[in-house]
Amino acid sequence: VQLQASGGGLVQAGGSLRLSCAASGIPFSISVMGWYRQAPGNQREFVALMGSGGSTKYGDSVRARFTISRDNAKNTVYLQMNSLKTEDTAVYYCNRLGTELWGQGTQVTVSS
């Protein structure tokens, strides 16, 4: 049972990145999946979630710039991040909502 996040990196402000989180050992298609992030010195912050039926919810700071999606055939949830800002710099974690199952985190660094 695990979540494996990937896709982070270094990007200039205004650029884009796509994060992936591959799940194994869970009933992925019926799971609510989410993304959170944590910057140094800050608490973990909600970014986005997607329900099993495709409903979505976003944090105020990323709405209209980030898009969450999922591919149930691949047991993978994605986070497309556009118009990145320096304040988006953080470690990004995927989570199966309602559980303590977290991915290992992937670093996103946005330079000015």
C-alpha atoms as a PDB file:
ATOM      1  CA  VAL A   1       0.000   0.000   0.000  1.00  0.00           C
ATOM      2  CA  GLN A   2       1.655   3.203  -1.104  1.00  0.00           C
ATOM      3  CA  LEU A   3       1.463   6.481  -2.948  1.00  0.00           C
ATOM      4  CA  GLN A   4       4.407   7.434  -5.124  1.00  0.00           C
ATOM      5  CA  ALA A   5       4.643  11.110  -6.084  1.00  0.00           C
ATOM      6  CA  SER A   6       6.820  12.427  -8.882  1.00  0.00           C
ATOM      7  CA  GLY A   7       7.222  15.307 -11.289  1.00  0.00           C
ATOM      8  CA  GLY A   8       8.614  18.041  -9.104  1.00  0.00           C
ATOM      9  CA  GLY A   9      11.550  20.192 -10.094  1.00  0.00           C
ATOM     10  CA  LEU A  10      12.893  23.675 -10.628  1.00  0.00           C
ATOM     11  CA  VAL A  11      10.936  26.037 -12.850  1.00  0.00           C
ATOM     12  CA  GLN A  12      10.890  29.764 -13.479  1.00  0.00           C
ATOM     13  CA  ALA A  13       7.972  31.891 -12.380  1.00  0.00           C
ATOM     14  CA  GLY A  14       5.214  31.736 -14.953  1.00  0.00           C
ATOM     15  CA  GLY A  15       6.135  28.211 -15.956  1.00  0.00           C
ATOM     16  CA  SER A  16       4.316  24.920 -15.589  1.00  0.00           C
ATOM     17  CA  LEU A  17       4.828  21.519 -14.021  1.00  0.00           C
ATOM     18  CA  ARG A  18       2.727  18.381 -13.805  1.00  0.00           C
ATOM     19  CA  LEU A  19       2.883  16.216 -10.723  1.00  0.00           C
ATOM     20  CA  SER A  20       1.849  12.580 -10.683  1.00  0.00           C
ATOM     21  CA  CYS A  21       0.912  10.305  -7.825  1.00  0.00           C
ATOM     22  CA  ALA A  22       0.693   6.585  -8.517  1.00  0.00           C
ATOM     23  CA  ALA A  23      -1.270   4.504  -6.038  1.00  0.00           C
ATOM     24  CA  SER A  24      -0.990   0.836  -5.263  1.00  0.00           C
ATOM     25  CA  GLY A  25      -2.806  -1.434  -2.876  1.00  0.00           C
ATOM     26  CA  ILE A  26      -5.862   0.786  -2.439  1.00  0.00           C
ATOM     27  CA  PRO A  27      -9.307   0.887  -4.076  1.00  0.00           C
ATOM     28  CA  PHE A  28      -8.221   3.871  -6.129  1.00  0.00           C
ATOM     29  CA  SER A  29     -11.321   4.331  -8.277  1.00  0.00           C
ATOM     30  CA  ILE A  30     -13.520   4.906  -5.224  1.00  0.00           C
ATOM     31  CA  SER A  31     -10.991   6.977  -3.296  1.00  0.00           C
ATOM     32  CA  VAL A  32     -11.005  10.714  -2.846  1.00  0.00           C
ATOM     33  CA  MET A  33      -7.499  11.836  -3.730  1.00  0.00           C
ATOM     34  CA  GLY A  34      -5.851  15.089  -2.843  1.00  0.00           C
ATOM     35  CA  TRP A  35      -2.730  17.193  -3.009  1.00  0.00           C
ATOM     36  CA  TYR A  36      -1.239  19.199  -0.162  1.00  0.00           C
ATOM     37  CA  ARG A  37       1.933  21.218   0.109  1.00  0.00           C
ATOM     38  CA  GLN A  38       4.267  22.387   2.829  1.00  0.00           C
ATOM     39  CA  ALA A  39       6.755  25.210   2.570  1.00  0.00           C
ATOM     40  CA  PRO A  40       9.600  25.577   5.086  1.00  0.00           C
ATOM     41  CA  GLY A  41       8.330  26.994   8.361  1.00  0.00           C
ATOM     42  CA  ASN A  42       4.690  26.655   7.303  1.00  0.00           C
ATOM     43  CA  GLN A  43       1.933  24.216   8.094  1.00  0.00           C
ATOM     44  CA  ARG A  44       0.791  21.736   5.498  1.00  0.00           C
ATOM     45  CA  GLU A  45      -1.678  23.452   3.172  1.00  0.00           C
ATOM     46  CA  PHE A  46      -4.553  21.996   1.176  1.00  0.00           C
ATOM     47  CA  VAL A  47      -4.096  22.371  -2.585  1.00  0.00           C
ATOM     48  CA  ALA A  48      -6.750  20.314  -4.368  1.00  0.00           C
ATOM     49  CA  LEU A  49      -8.874  17.207  -4.215  1.00  0.00           C
ATOM     50  CA  MET A  50     -10.858  15.066  -6.611  1.00  0.00           C
ATOM     51  CA  GLY A  51     -13.692  12.753  -5.718  1.00  0.00           C
ATOM     52  CA  SER A  52     -14.381   9.389  -7.222  1.00  0.00           C
ATOM     53  CA  GLY A  53     -17.081  10.924  -9.384  1.00  0.00           C
ATOM     54  CA  GLY A  54     -14.854  13.682 -10.680  1.00  0.00           C
ATOM     55  CA  SER A  55     -15.869  16.529  -8.412  1.00  0.00           C
ATOM     56  CA  THR A  56     -13.050  18.896  -7.530  1.00  0.00           C
ATOM     57  CA  LYS A  57     -12.145  21.430  -4.884  1.00  0.00           C
ATOM     58  CA  TYR A  58      -9.207  23.839  -4.808  1.00  0.00           C
ATOM     59  CA  GLY A  59      -7.424  25.963  -2.295  1.00  0.00           C
ATOM     60  CA  ASP A  60      -7.937  29.688  -2.750  1.00  0.00           C
ATOM     61  CA  SER A  61      -4.293  30.348  -3.599  1.00  0.00           C
ATOM     62  CA  VAL A  62      -4.211  27.921  -6.541  1.00  0.00           C
ATOM     63  CA  ARG A  63      -7.714  28.125  -7.973  1.00  0.00           C
ATOM     64  CA  ALA A  64      -7.709  28.930 -11.703  1.00  0.00           C
ATOM     65  CA  ARG A  65      -4.004  28.048 -11.998  1.00  0.00           C
ATOM     66  CA  PHE A  66      -3.869  24.400 -10.916  1.00  0.00           C
ATOM     67  CA  THR A  67      -5.941  21.498 -12.226  1.00  0.00           C
ATOM     68  CA  ILE A  68      -6.345  18.118 -10.572  1.00  0.00           C
ATOM     69  CA  SER A  69      -7.238  15.077 -12.640  1.00  0.00           C
ATOM     70  CA  ARG A  70      -7.142  11.311 -12.348  1.00  0.00           C
ATOM     71  CA  ASP A  71      -6.767   8.228 -14.498  1.00  0.00           C
ATOM     72  CA  ASN A  72      -8.431   5.314 -12.761  1.00  0.00           C
ATOM     73  CA  ALA A  73      -7.024   2.846 -15.288  1.00  0.00           C
ATOM     74  CA  LYS A  74      -3.528   3.853 -14.187  1.00  0.00           C
ATOM     75  CA  ASN A  75      -4.368   4.395 -10.490  1.00  0.00           C
ATOM     76  CA  THR A  76      -2.820   7.835 -10.825  1.00  0.00           C
ATOM     77  CA  VAL A  77      -3.814  11.339  -9.807  1.00  0.00           C
ATOM     78  CA  TYR A  78      -2.244  14.394 -11.429  1.00  0.00           C
ATOM     79  CA  LEU A  79      -1.760  18.033 -10.568  1.00  0.00           C
ATOM     80  CA  GLN A  80      -1.205  20.348 -13.508  1.00  0.00           C
ATOM     81  CA  MET A  81       0.328  23.567 -12.233  1.00  0.00           C
ATOM     82  CA  ASN A  82       0.352  26.601 -14.517  1.00  0.00           C
ATOM     83  CA  SER A  83       1.375  30.216 -14.008  1.00  0.00           C
ATOM     84  CA  LEU A  84       3.612  29.162 -11.161  1.00  0.00           C
ATOM     85  CA  LYS A  85       4.649  31.749  -8.600  1.00  0.00           C
ATOM     86  CA  THR A  86       7.596  31.819  -6.217  1.00  0.00           C
ATOM     87  CA  GLU A  87       5.146  31.325  -3.358  1.00  0.00           C
ATOM     88  CA  ASP A  88       4.189  27.942  -4.830  1.00  0.00           C
ATOM     89  CA  THR A  89       7.604  26.649  -3.756  1.00  0.00           C
ATOM     90  CA  ALA A  90       7.002  23.730  -1.391  1.00  0.00           C
ATOM     91  CA  VAL A  91       7.098  19.992  -1.005  1.00  0.00           C
ATOM     92  CA  TYR A  92       3.938  18.592  -2.560  1.00  0.00           C
ATOM     93  CA  TYR A  93       2.274  15.506  -1.095  1.00  0.00           C
ATOM     94  CA  CYS A  94      -0.536  13.334  -2.373  1.00  0.00           C
ATOM     95  CA  ASN A  95      -3.014  11.815   0.029  1.00  0.00           C
ATOM     96  CA  ARG A  96      -5.908   9.440   0.068  1.00  0.00           C
ATOM     97  CA  LEU A  97      -8.371  11.644   1.928  1.00  0.00           C
ATOM     98  CA  GLY A  98      -9.714  10.319   5.177  1.00  0.00           C
ATOM     99  CA  THR A  99      -6.626   8.185   5.752  1.00  0.00           C
ATOM    100  CA  GLU A 100      -3.066   8.611   6.930  1.00  0.00           C
ATOM    101  CA  LEU A 101      -1.761   7.333   3.602  1.00  0.00           C
ATOM    102  CA  TRP A 102       0.615   9.948   2.173  1.00  0.00           C
ATOM    103  CA  GLY A 103       3.079   9.954  -0.654  1.00  0.00           C
ATOM    104  CA  GLN A 104       6.727  10.700   0.038  1.00  0.00           C
ATOM    105  CA  GLY A 105       6.550  14.240  -1.298  1.00  0.00           C
ATOM    106  CA  THR A 106       8.059  15.886  -4.337  1.00  0.00           C
ATOM    107  CA  GLN A 107       9.883  19.223  -4.236  1.00  0.00           C
ATOM    108  CA  VAL A 108       8.667  22.079  -6.396  1.00  0.00           C
ATOM    109  CA  THR A 109      10.900  25.148  -6.559  1.00  0.00           C
ATOM    110  CA  VAL A 110       9.825  28.237  -8.465  1.00  0.00           C
ATOM    111  CA  SER A 111      12.533  30.794  -9.143  1.00  0.00           C
ATOM    112  CA  SER A 112      11.963  34.476  -9.862  1.00  0.00           C
END
